[in-house]
């Protein structure tokens, strides 16, 4: 009798776990949606860092030093290539840079892009987050290391509570376990290219 009860309890627990797992998987499909774009218009212009996480301790240490950050994407004369420039405030200093980004894919399967920064190769995937925001999943590798970062970019650096909760679910679904780091949208580093053109 006791053995039969034990078996029933075990079976019930296994069923409960499978139902929870199925619910979690369903939830993840709802929030982790690759961004599908017909063209690059949505991506162009300035985007400001709001929050991010990393699966690598060294990358996370750097991320936590970032007070704020922005990126700016513009078209180039080469089809399939965008120019990516950025500015980030780290330890009170502005760090500026740029690199060309090449499409890996712009299709019904999602939007994927890569760029080389010095010795690091970055392969990224865009995910839906909101009408004026997106989630960037970055796979970065150099000669000796590989890590993943996940970042929410918005047009003005702000993200409402509803979309922040969506981002947190994306973080969990994509197996990030680090504490989130939030930037601010105050005193952004100047964009030298915009300053020159004015």
N, C-alpha and C. Protein backbone atom coordinates (compact mmCIF):
# COMPACT_ATOMS: atom_id res chain seq x y z
N UNK A 1 0.83 -1.20 0.00
CA UNK A 1 0.00 0.00 0.00
C UNK A 1 0.87 1.26 0.00
N UNK A 2 1.85 1.28 0.91
CA UNK A 2 2.74 2.43 1.01
C UNK A 2 3.51 2.62 -0.29
N UNK A 3 3.93 1.51 -0.90
CA UNK A 3 4.68 1.60 -2.16
C UNK A 3 3.81 2.18 -3.27
N UNK A 4 2.54 1.77 -3.28
CA UNK A 4 1.62 2.28 -4.30
C UNK A 4 1.40 3.78 -4.13
N UNK A 5 1.22 4.22 -2.88
CA UNK A 5 1.05 5.65 -2.60
C UNK A 5 2.29 6.43 -3.02
N UNK A 6 3.46 5.87 -2.71
CA UNK A 6 4.72 6.52 -3.09
C UNK A 6 4.81 6.69 -4.60
N UNK A 7 4.43 5.63 -5.33
CA UNK A 7 4.48 5.70 -6.79
C UNK A 7 3.53 6.76 -7.33
N UNK A 8 2.33 6.86 -6.71
CA UNK A 8 1.37 7.87 -7.13
C UNK A 8 1.90 9.28 -6.88
N UNK A 9 2.55 9.48 -5.74
CA UNK A 9 3.12 10.79 -5.41
C UNK A 9 4.20 11.16 -6.41
N UNK A 10 5.09 10.18 -6.71
CA UNK A 10 6.16 10.44 -7.67
C UNK A 10 5.59 10.77 -9.04
N UNK A 11 4.58 10.00 -9.46
CA UNK A 11 3.96 10.25 -10.77
C UNK A 11 3.33 11.64 -10.81
N UNK A 12 2.68 12.04 -9.74
CA UNK A 12 2.05 13.36 -9.67
C UNK A 12 3.11 14.47 -9.76
N UNK A 13 4.21 14.29 -9.03
CA UNK A 13 5.27 15.30 -9.06
C UNK A 13 5.89 15.42 -10.45
N UNK A 14 6.11 14.28 -11.10
CA UNK A 14 6.67 14.31 -12.46
C UNK A 14 5.71 15.01 -13.42
N UNK A 15 4.41 14.74 -13.26
CA UNK A 15 3.43 15.40 -14.11
C UNK A 15 3.43 16.90 -13.87
N UNK A 16 3.51 17.30 -12.61
CA UNK A 16 3.52 18.73 -12.27
C UNK A 16 4.74 19.42 -12.87
N UNK A 17 5.90 18.76 -12.76
CA UNK A 17 7.13 19.33 -13.32
C UNK A 17 7.02 19.47 -14.83
N UNK A 18 6.45 18.45 -15.49
CA UNK A 18 6.33 18.51 -16.95
C UNK A 18 5.37 19.62 -17.37
N UNK A 19 4.28 19.81 -16.59
CA UNK A 19 3.33 20.88 -16.91
C UNK A 19 3.96 22.25 -16.73
N UNK A 20 4.74 22.43 -15.65
CA UNK A 20 5.44 23.70 -15.42
C UNK A 20 6.44 23.96 -16.53
N UNK A 21 7.18 22.91 -16.93
CA UNK A 21 8.16 23.06 -18.00
C UNK A 21 7.49 23.46 -19.30
N UNK A 22 6.33 22.83 -19.57
CA UNK A 22 5.60 23.16 -20.79
C UNK A 22 5.12 24.61 -20.76
N UNK A 23 4.64 25.05 -19.58
CA UNK A 23 4.20 26.45 -19.44
C UNK A 23 5.36 27.39 -19.64
N UNK A 24 6.52 27.07 -19.04
CA UNK A 24 7.71 27.91 -19.18
C UNK A 24 8.13 28.01 -20.63
N UNK A 25 8.11 26.86 -21.34
CA UNK A 25 8.50 26.85 -22.75
C UNK A 25 7.55 27.69 -23.58
N UNK A 26 6.26 27.59 -23.26
CA UNK A 26 5.26 28.39 -23.97
C UNK A 26 5.46 29.87 -23.71
N UNK A 27 5.73 30.23 -22.45
CA UNK A 27 5.98 31.62 -22.09
C UNK A 27 7.20 32.15 -22.83
N UNK A 28 8.24 31.32 -22.92
CA UNK A 28 9.46 31.77 -23.59
C UNK A 28 9.22 32.03 -25.07
N UNK A 29 8.40 31.20 -25.70
CA UNK A 29 8.09 31.42 -27.11
C UNK A 29 7.36 32.74 -27.31
N UNK A 30 6.59 33.14 -26.30
CA UNK A 30 5.84 34.38 -26.40
C UNK A 30 6.72 35.61 -26.26
N UNK A 31 7.79 35.50 -25.47
CA UNK A 31 8.61 36.69 -25.20
C UNK A 31 9.93 36.71 -25.97
N UNK A 32 10.42 35.55 -26.39
CA UNK A 32 11.68 35.51 -27.14
C UNK A 32 11.36 35.33 -28.62
N UNK A 33 11.08 36.47 -29.26
CA UNK A 33 10.68 36.46 -30.67
C UNK A 33 11.74 37.17 -31.50
N UNK A 34 12.40 36.46 -32.41
CA UNK A 34 13.36 37.13 -33.29
C UNK A 34 12.67 38.25 -34.07
N UNK A 35 13.35 39.37 -34.18
CA UNK A 35 12.80 40.51 -34.89
C UNK A 35 12.85 40.26 -36.40
N UNK A 36 11.71 40.38 -37.05
CA UNK A 36 11.62 40.18 -38.49
C UNK A 36 11.44 41.54 -39.15
N UNK A 37 12.38 41.92 -40.01
CA UNK A 37 12.36 43.22 -40.65
C UNK A 37 12.41 43.07 -42.17
N UNK A 38 11.66 43.90 -42.86
CA UNK A 38 11.72 43.91 -44.32
C UNK A 38 12.92 44.70 -44.81
N UNK A 39 13.35 45.68 -44.00
CA UNK A 39 14.52 46.48 -44.34
C UNK A 39 15.15 46.97 -43.03
N UNK A 40 16.17 47.80 -43.16
CA UNK A 40 16.92 48.20 -41.97
C UNK A 40 16.43 49.52 -41.36
N UNK A 41 15.35 50.08 -41.87
CA UNK A 41 14.92 51.41 -41.42
C UNK A 41 14.75 51.49 -39.90
N UNK A 42 14.17 50.43 -39.32
CA UNK A 42 13.92 50.45 -37.88
C UNK A 42 15.23 50.55 -37.10
N UNK A 43 16.29 49.93 -37.61
CA UNK A 43 17.56 49.86 -36.87
C UNK A 43 18.37 51.14 -36.96
N UNK A 44 18.13 51.96 -37.98
CA UNK A 44 18.98 53.11 -38.23
C UNK A 44 18.80 54.18 -37.16
N UNK A 45 19.87 54.95 -36.96
CA UNK A 45 19.81 56.04 -35.99
C UNK A 45 20.40 55.64 -34.66
N UNK A 46 20.12 56.48 -33.65
CA UNK A 46 20.71 56.29 -32.33
C UNK A 46 19.84 55.43 -31.42
N UNK A 47 20.52 54.56 -30.66
CA UNK A 47 19.89 53.73 -29.64
C UNK A 47 20.70 53.86 -28.36
N UNK A 48 19.99 53.93 -27.23
CA UNK A 48 20.65 54.16 -25.94
C UNK A 48 20.49 52.92 -25.05
N UNK A 49 21.58 52.53 -24.44
CA UNK A 49 21.59 51.39 -23.53
C UNK A 49 20.70 51.65 -22.32
N UNK A 50 19.86 50.67 -21.99
CA UNK A 50 19.02 50.78 -20.78
C UNK A 50 19.43 49.78 -19.71
N UNK A 51 19.56 48.51 -20.10
CA UNK A 51 19.88 47.47 -19.12
C UNK A 51 20.53 46.30 -19.85
N UNK A 52 21.39 45.58 -19.13
CA UNK A 52 22.06 44.45 -19.76
C UNK A 52 22.57 43.44 -18.75
N UNK A 53 23.02 42.30 -19.27
CA UNK A 53 23.58 41.24 -18.45
C UNK A 53 24.59 40.46 -19.30
N UNK A 54 25.40 39.66 -18.65
CA UNK A 54 26.40 38.86 -19.36
C UNK A 54 26.56 37.52 -18.67
N UNK A 55 27.00 36.52 -19.44
CA UNK A 55 27.27 35.21 -18.84
C UNK A 55 28.75 35.05 -18.50
N UNK A 56 29.52 36.14 -18.63
CA UNK A 56 30.97 36.09 -18.39
C UNK A 56 31.35 37.11 -17.32
N UNK A 57 32.14 36.69 -16.35
CA UNK A 57 32.49 37.56 -15.22
C UNK A 57 33.24 38.80 -15.67
N UNK A 58 34.22 38.65 -16.56
CA UNK A 58 35.01 39.80 -17.01
C UNK A 58 34.14 40.78 -17.79
N UNK A 59 33.29 40.25 -18.66
CA UNK A 59 32.39 41.11 -19.42
C UNK A 59 31.41 41.83 -18.50
N UNK A 60 30.95 41.13 -17.47
CA UNK A 60 30.02 41.74 -16.52
C UNK A 60 30.70 42.84 -15.72
N UNK A 61 31.97 42.63 -15.36
CA UNK A 61 32.72 43.66 -14.63
C UNK A 61 32.81 44.93 -15.47
N UNK A 62 33.09 44.76 -16.78
CA UNK A 62 33.15 45.94 -17.66
C UNK A 62 31.77 46.59 -17.76
N UNK A 63 30.73 45.77 -17.93
CA UNK A 63 29.39 46.31 -18.06
C UNK A 63 29.00 47.15 -16.85
N UNK A 64 29.40 46.71 -15.68
CA UNK A 64 29.05 47.44 -14.46
C UNK A 64 29.78 48.77 -14.34
N UNK A 65 30.84 48.95 -15.11
CA UNK A 65 31.56 50.22 -15.10
C UNK A 65 30.94 51.24 -16.05
N UNK A 66 30.04 50.75 -16.91
CA UNK A 66 29.43 51.62 -17.92
C UNK A 66 28.31 52.45 -17.28
N UNK A 67 28.53 53.77 -17.25
CA UNK A 67 27.49 54.66 -16.71
C UNK A 67 26.35 54.80 -17.72
N UNK A 68 26.71 55.02 -18.95
CA UNK A 68 25.73 55.04 -20.02
C UNK A 68 26.42 54.74 -21.34
N UNK A 69 25.63 54.47 -22.35
CA UNK A 69 26.19 54.08 -23.64
C UNK A 69 25.16 54.29 -24.73
N UNK A 70 25.65 54.59 -25.93
CA UNK A 70 24.76 54.69 -27.08
C UNK A 70 25.44 54.06 -28.29
N UNK A 71 24.62 53.64 -29.25
CA UNK A 71 25.12 53.20 -30.55
C UNK A 71 24.37 53.96 -31.63
N UNK A 72 24.97 54.06 -32.80
CA UNK A 72 24.33 54.76 -33.91
C UNK A 72 24.62 53.98 -35.19
N UNK A 73 23.56 53.57 -35.87
CA UNK A 73 23.69 52.80 -37.10
C UNK A 73 23.31 53.64 -38.31
N UNK A 74 24.17 53.63 -39.33
CA UNK A 74 23.88 54.35 -40.57
C UNK A 74 24.17 53.44 -41.76
N UNK A 75 23.50 53.71 -42.86
CA UNK A 75 23.75 52.93 -44.07
C UNK A 75 25.09 53.32 -44.69
N UNK A 76 25.64 52.40 -45.46
CA UNK A 76 26.86 52.67 -46.21
C UNK A 76 26.57 52.46 -47.69
N UNK A 77 27.56 52.72 -48.51
CA UNK A 77 27.38 52.54 -49.96
C UNK A 77 27.38 51.06 -50.33
N UNK A 78 27.84 50.20 -49.42
CA UNK A 78 27.86 48.76 -49.69
C UNK A 78 26.55 48.13 -49.25
N UNK A 79 25.89 47.44 -50.15
CA UNK A 79 24.65 46.78 -49.81
C UNK A 79 24.89 45.70 -48.76
N UNK A 80 24.03 45.68 -47.74
CA UNK A 80 24.19 44.66 -46.71
C UNK A 80 25.15 45.04 -45.61
N UNK A 81 25.62 46.29 -45.63
CA UNK A 81 26.58 46.72 -44.60
C UNK A 81 26.10 48.02 -43.96
N UNK A 82 26.13 48.07 -42.65
CA UNK A 82 25.84 49.27 -41.89
C UNK A 82 27.09 49.72 -41.16
N UNK A 83 27.20 51.03 -40.91
CA UNK A 83 28.28 51.52 -40.06
C UNK A 83 27.73 51.65 -38.64
N UNK A 84 28.45 51.06 -37.71
CA UNK A 84 28.09 51.11 -36.30
C UNK A 84 29.12 51.95 -35.57
N UNK A 85 28.67 53.04 -34.96
CA UNK A 85 29.56 53.81 -34.10
C UNK A 85 28.93 53.90 -32.72
N UNK A 86 29.77 54.09 -31.72
CA UNK A 86 29.26 54.06 -30.36
C UNK A 86 30.04 55.00 -29.45
N UNK A 87 29.42 55.31 -28.34
CA UNK A 87 30.07 56.08 -27.29
C UNK A 87 29.59 55.56 -25.95
N UNK A 88 30.52 55.33 -25.04
CA UNK A 88 30.13 54.89 -23.71
C UNK A 88 30.96 55.59 -22.65
N UNK A 89 30.30 55.91 -21.56
CA UNK A 89 30.95 56.56 -20.44
C UNK A 89 31.38 55.49 -19.44
N UNK A 90 32.70 55.33 -19.30
CA UNK A 90 33.27 54.31 -18.42
C UNK A 90 34.26 54.97 -17.47
N UNK A 91 34.02 54.83 -16.19
CA UNK A 91 34.91 55.41 -15.18
C UNK A 91 35.13 56.91 -15.42
N UNK A 92 34.07 57.59 -15.84
CA UNK A 92 34.15 59.04 -16.04
C UNK A 92 34.78 59.47 -17.35
N UNK A 93 35.14 58.53 -18.21
CA UNK A 93 35.75 58.87 -19.49
C UNK A 93 34.87 58.38 -20.63
N UNK A 94 34.86 59.16 -21.72
CA UNK A 94 34.09 58.77 -22.91
C UNK A 94 34.96 57.93 -23.84
N UNK A 95 34.44 56.78 -24.20
CA UNK A 95 35.12 55.89 -25.14
C UNK A 95 34.28 55.82 -26.41
N UNK A 96 34.89 56.23 -27.53
CA UNK A 96 34.18 56.26 -28.82
C UNK A 96 34.79 55.26 -29.77
N UNK A 97 33.99 54.73 -30.68
CA UNK A 97 34.52 53.78 -31.65
C UNK A 97 33.55 53.58 -32.79
N UNK A 98 33.98 52.84 -33.80
CA UNK A 98 33.09 52.50 -34.91
C UNK A 98 33.57 51.24 -35.59
N UNK A 99 32.66 50.58 -36.28
CA UNK A 99 32.97 49.35 -37.02
C UNK A 99 31.88 49.14 -38.04
N UNK A 100 32.19 48.43 -39.11
CA UNK A 100 31.17 48.08 -40.09
C UNK A 100 30.48 46.79 -39.67
N UNK A 101 29.16 46.77 -39.82
CA UNK A 101 28.35 45.61 -39.47
C UNK A 101 27.79 45.00 -40.75
N UNK A 102 27.92 43.69 -40.88
CA UNK A 102 27.46 43.00 -42.07
C UNK A 102 26.29 42.09 -41.73
N UNK A 103 25.26 42.12 -42.57
CA UNK A 103 24.12 41.25 -42.33
C UNK A 103 24.50 39.80 -42.53
N UNK A 104 24.11 38.98 -41.58
CA UNK A 104 24.14 37.55 -41.82
C UNK A 104 22.81 37.11 -42.42
N UNK A 105 21.76 37.77 -41.98
CA UNK A 105 20.43 37.40 -42.46
C UNK A 105 19.45 38.54 -42.16
N UNK A 106 18.54 38.74 -43.07
CA UNK A 106 17.43 39.69 -42.87
C UNK A 106 16.24 39.01 -43.53
N UNK A 107 15.60 38.12 -42.78
CA UNK A 107 14.65 37.20 -43.39
C UNK A 107 13.51 36.90 -42.44
N UNK A 108 12.54 36.08 -42.87
CA UNK A 108 11.44 35.68 -41.98
C UNK A 108 11.92 34.95 -40.73
N UNK A 109 13.15 34.45 -40.75
CA UNK A 109 13.68 33.74 -39.58
C UNK A 109 14.21 34.70 -38.51
N UNK A 110 14.36 35.97 -38.86
CA UNK A 110 14.89 36.93 -37.91
C UNK A 110 15.94 37.82 -38.52
N UNK A 111 16.50 38.68 -37.71
CA UNK A 111 17.51 39.63 -38.15
C UNK A 111 18.81 39.36 -37.41
N UNK A 112 19.85 39.04 -38.16
CA UNK A 112 21.13 38.69 -37.57
C UNK A 112 22.21 39.58 -38.19
N UNK A 113 23.19 39.93 -37.41
CA UNK A 113 24.21 40.86 -37.88
C UNK A 113 25.54 40.54 -37.22
N UNK A 114 26.64 40.84 -37.87
CA UNK A 114 27.92 40.64 -37.20
C UNK A 114 28.83 41.83 -37.46
N UNK A 115 29.81 42.00 -36.56
CA UNK A 115 30.84 43.02 -36.77
C UNK A 115 32.10 42.60 -36.03
N UNK A 116 33.22 43.05 -36.57
CA UNK A 116 34.52 42.77 -35.96
C UNK A 116 35.00 44.02 -35.25
N UNK A 117 35.44 43.84 -34.00
CA UNK A 117 35.96 44.95 -33.21
C UNK A 117 37.33 44.53 -32.71
N UNK A 118 38.37 45.06 -33.34
CA UNK A 118 39.75 44.68 -33.04
C UNK A 118 39.88 43.17 -33.20
N UNK A 119 40.13 42.42 -32.14
CA UNK A 119 40.31 40.97 -32.26
C UNK A 119 39.04 40.20 -31.94
N UNK A 120 37.96 40.90 -31.67
CA UNK A 120 36.71 40.25 -31.27
C UNK A 120 35.72 40.19 -32.43
N UNK A 121 35.12 39.02 -32.62
CA UNK A 121 34.07 38.85 -33.61
C UNK A 121 32.73 38.78 -32.87
N UNK A 122 31.82 39.65 -33.26
CA UNK A 122 30.51 39.70 -32.60
C UNK A 122 29.42 39.26 -33.57
N UNK A 123 28.66 38.25 -33.18
CA UNK A 123 27.50 37.80 -33.93
C UNK A 123 26.26 38.07 -33.10
N UNK A 124 25.36 38.87 -33.62
CA UNK A 124 24.22 39.30 -32.82
C UNK A 124 22.88 38.94 -33.42
N UNK A 125 21.90 38.81 -32.54
CA UNK A 125 20.52 38.55 -32.93
C UNK A 125 19.62 39.60 -32.30
N UNK A 126 18.70 40.13 -33.10
CA UNK A 126 17.74 41.10 -32.59
C UNK A 126 16.45 40.38 -32.18
N UNK A 127 15.92 40.79 -31.01
CA UNK A 127 14.65 40.26 -30.55
C UNK A 127 13.67 41.41 -30.30
N UNK A 128 12.39 41.10 -30.50
CA UNK A 128 11.36 42.11 -30.27
C UNK A 128 11.29 42.48 -28.79
N UNK A 129 11.08 43.76 -28.52
CA UNK A 129 10.92 44.21 -27.15
C UNK A 129 9.80 45.25 -27.03
N UNK A 130 9.72 46.16 -27.97
CA UNK A 130 8.69 47.19 -27.91
C UNK A 130 8.74 48.04 -29.16
N UNK A 131 7.80 48.98 -29.31
CA UNK A 131 7.74 49.81 -30.52
C UNK A 131 8.95 50.71 -30.70
N UNK A 132 9.61 51.08 -29.59
CA UNK A 132 10.79 51.95 -29.68
C UNK A 132 11.96 51.32 -28.93
N UNK A 133 12.03 50.00 -28.99
CA UNK A 133 13.08 49.29 -28.25
C UNK A 133 13.35 47.95 -28.92
N UNK A 134 14.49 47.36 -28.62
CA UNK A 134 14.78 45.99 -29.03
C UNK A 134 15.78 45.37 -28.06
N UNK A 135 15.83 44.06 -28.10
CA UNK A 135 16.80 43.31 -27.30
C UNK A 135 17.89 42.79 -28.23
N UNK A 136 19.12 42.97 -27.82
CA UNK A 136 20.28 42.54 -28.60
C UNK A 136 20.97 41.41 -27.85
N UNK A 137 21.05 40.24 -28.49
CA UNK A 137 21.80 39.11 -27.94
C UNK A 137 23.10 39.01 -28.70
N UNK A 138 24.20 39.21 -28.01
CA UNK A 138 25.51 39.29 -28.65
C UNK A 138 26.35 38.08 -28.25
N UNK A 139 26.81 37.35 -29.26
CA UNK A 139 27.79 36.28 -29.05
C UNK A 139 29.15 36.81 -29.49
N UNK A 140 30.04 36.98 -28.53
CA UNK A 140 31.36 37.57 -28.81
C UNK A 140 32.46 36.54 -28.58
N UNK A 141 33.40 36.51 -29.50
CA UNK A 141 34.50 35.55 -29.38
C UNK A 141 35.79 36.19 -29.88
N UNK A 142 36.89 35.88 -29.18
CA UNK A 142 38.22 36.25 -29.68
C UNK A 142 39.06 34.99 -29.70
N UNK A 143 40.37 35.14 -29.68
CA UNK A 143 41.25 33.97 -29.81
C UNK A 143 41.15 32.99 -28.66
N UNK A 144 40.72 33.47 -27.49
CA UNK A 144 40.77 32.60 -26.31
C UNK A 144 39.46 32.50 -25.52
N UNK A 145 38.52 33.39 -25.76
CA UNK A 145 37.31 33.40 -24.93
C UNK A 145 36.06 33.49 -25.80
N UNK A 146 34.95 33.15 -25.18
CA UNK A 146 33.65 33.30 -25.81
C UNK A 146 32.65 33.65 -24.72
N UNK A 147 31.82 34.65 -24.98
CA UNK A 147 30.80 35.00 -24.00
C UNK A 147 29.57 35.57 -24.69
N UNK A 148 28.48 35.63 -23.94
CA UNK A 148 27.23 36.19 -24.45
C UNK A 148 26.81 37.37 -23.57
N UNK A 149 26.33 38.41 -24.22
CA UNK A 149 25.74 39.56 -23.54
C UNK A 149 24.32 39.73 -24.05
N UNK A 150 23.46 40.27 -23.20
CA UNK A 150 22.11 40.60 -23.62
C UNK A 150 21.80 42.01 -23.16
N UNK A 151 21.33 42.85 -24.09
CA UNK A 151 21.17 44.27 -23.82
C UNK A 151 19.84 44.76 -24.38
N UNK A 152 19.19 45.62 -23.62
CA UNK A 152 17.99 46.31 -24.10
C UNK A 152 18.38 47.72 -24.51
N UNK A 153 18.13 48.05 -25.78
CA UNK A 153 18.35 49.39 -26.30
C UNK A 153 17.00 50.05 -26.56
N UNK A 154 16.92 51.35 -26.27
CA UNK A 154 15.72 52.12 -26.58
C UNK A 154 16.14 53.43 -27.24
N UNK A 155 15.19 54.12 -27.81
CA UNK A 155 15.52 55.38 -28.49
C UNK A 155 16.01 56.45 -27.52
N UNK A 156 15.45 56.48 -26.31
CA UNK A 156 15.81 57.53 -25.37
C UNK A 156 16.45 57.01 -24.08
N UNK A 157 16.70 55.71 -24.02
CA UNK A 157 17.30 55.14 -22.81
C UNK A 157 16.30 54.78 -21.75
N UNK A 158 15.01 55.01 -22.01
CA UNK A 158 13.97 54.71 -21.03
C UNK A 158 13.19 53.47 -21.45
N UNK A 159 12.70 52.75 -20.45
CA UNK A 159 11.92 51.54 -20.71
C UNK A 159 10.85 51.43 -19.63
N UNK A 160 9.59 51.32 -20.06
CA UNK A 160 8.52 51.25 -19.06
C UNK A 160 8.52 49.89 -18.37
N UNK A 161 7.75 49.81 -17.29
CA UNK A 161 7.75 48.60 -16.45
C UNK A 161 7.29 47.37 -17.21
N UNK A 162 6.31 47.53 -18.09
CA UNK A 162 5.78 46.38 -18.83
C UNK A 162 6.85 45.76 -19.70
N UNK A 163 7.59 46.60 -20.45
CA UNK A 163 8.61 46.08 -21.34
C UNK A 163 9.86 45.65 -20.59
N UNK A 164 10.10 46.24 -19.43
CA UNK A 164 11.21 45.77 -18.59
C UNK A 164 10.93 44.35 -18.11
N UNK A 165 9.70 44.05 -17.75
CA UNK A 165 9.35 42.70 -17.33
C UNK A 165 9.52 41.71 -18.48
N UNK A 166 9.19 42.14 -19.70
CA UNK A 166 9.41 41.28 -20.87
C UNK A 166 10.90 41.00 -21.03
N UNK A 167 11.73 42.04 -20.87
CA UNK A 167 13.18 41.84 -20.99
C UNK A 167 13.67 40.86 -19.93
N UNK A 168 13.20 41.00 -18.70
CA UNK A 168 13.62 40.09 -17.63
C UNK A 168 13.26 38.64 -17.96
N UNK A 169 12.09 38.44 -18.57
CA UNK A 169 11.71 37.09 -18.98
C UNK A 169 12.62 36.58 -20.10
N UNK A 170 12.98 37.47 -21.03
CA UNK A 170 13.91 37.08 -22.08
C UNK A 170 15.25 36.65 -21.48
N UNK A 171 15.72 37.40 -20.51
CA UNK A 171 16.98 37.08 -19.84
C UNK A 171 16.93 35.68 -19.25
N UNK A 172 15.83 35.38 -18.57
CA UNK A 172 15.68 34.06 -17.94
C UNK A 172 15.57 32.96 -19.00
N UNK A 173 14.78 33.20 -20.05
CA UNK A 173 14.59 32.19 -21.08
C UNK A 173 15.87 31.88 -21.84
N UNK A 174 16.75 32.88 -21.96
CA UNK A 174 18.00 32.69 -22.70
C UNK A 174 19.15 32.31 -21.77
N UNK A 175 18.80 31.90 -20.55
CA UNK A 175 19.76 31.31 -19.60
C UNK A 175 20.85 32.26 -19.12
N UNK A 176 20.48 33.50 -18.88
CA UNK A 176 21.38 34.43 -18.21
C UNK A 176 21.02 34.44 -16.72
N UNK A 177 22.04 34.36 -15.90
CA UNK A 177 21.80 34.27 -14.46
C UNK A 177 22.45 35.41 -13.68
N UNK A 178 23.08 36.33 -14.37
CA UNK A 178 23.77 37.42 -13.68
C UNK A 178 22.78 38.51 -13.28
N UNK A 179 23.21 39.35 -12.35
CA UNK A 179 22.41 40.50 -11.93
C UNK A 179 22.37 41.51 -13.08
N UNK A 180 21.22 42.13 -13.27
CA UNK A 180 21.08 43.12 -14.33
C UNK A 180 21.82 44.40 -13.96
N UNK A 181 22.43 45.01 -14.99
CA UNK A 181 23.07 46.31 -14.79
C UNK A 181 22.29 47.36 -15.58
N UNK A 182 21.89 48.43 -14.90
CA UNK A 182 21.12 49.50 -15.54
C UNK A 182 22.02 50.71 -15.80
N UNK A 183 21.88 51.27 -17.00
CA UNK A 183 22.56 52.52 -17.30
C UNK A 183 21.64 53.69 -17.00
N UNK A 184 22.10 54.88 -17.32
CA UNK A 184 21.21 56.04 -17.26
C UNK A 184 21.31 56.79 -18.58
N UNK A 185 20.38 57.68 -18.81
CA UNK A 185 20.35 58.39 -20.08
C UNK A 185 20.76 59.85 -19.92
N UNK A 186 21.52 60.13 -18.86
CA UNK A 186 21.96 61.49 -18.58
C UNK A 186 23.43 61.66 -18.98
N UNK A 187 23.77 62.83 -19.52
CA UNK A 187 25.16 63.17 -19.84
C UNK A 187 25.81 62.12 -20.74
N UNK A 188 25.13 61.79 -21.84
CA UNK A 188 25.70 60.85 -22.79
C UNK A 188 26.94 61.43 -23.44
N UNK A 189 27.86 60.57 -23.79
CA UNK A 189 29.06 61.02 -24.50
C UNK A 189 28.65 61.67 -25.82
N UNK A 190 29.33 62.74 -26.22
CA UNK A 190 28.98 63.41 -27.47
C UNK A 190 29.32 62.55 -28.67
N UNK A 191 28.51 62.68 -29.70
CA UNK A 191 28.76 62.00 -30.96
C UNK A 191 29.55 62.95 -31.84
N UNK A 192 30.85 62.69 -31.98
CA UNK A 192 31.73 63.62 -32.68
C UNK A 192 31.30 63.81 -34.13
N UNK A 193 30.79 62.78 -34.76
CA UNK A 193 30.38 62.89 -36.16
C UNK A 193 29.19 63.84 -36.29
N UNK A 194 28.23 63.75 -35.35
CA UNK A 194 27.09 64.67 -35.38
C UNK A 194 27.54 66.10 -35.09
N UNK A 195 28.51 66.26 -34.15
CA UNK A 195 29.00 67.58 -33.81
C UNK A 195 29.67 68.26 -35.00
N UNK A 196 30.46 67.46 -35.77
CA UNK A 196 31.15 68.00 -36.93
C UNK A 196 30.16 68.42 -38.01
N UNK A 197 29.07 67.61 -38.16
CA UNK A 197 28.12 67.88 -39.25
C UNK A 197 27.20 69.04 -38.94
N UNK A 198 27.11 69.49 -37.69
CA UNK A 198 26.22 70.57 -37.34
C UNK A 198 26.80 71.93 -37.70
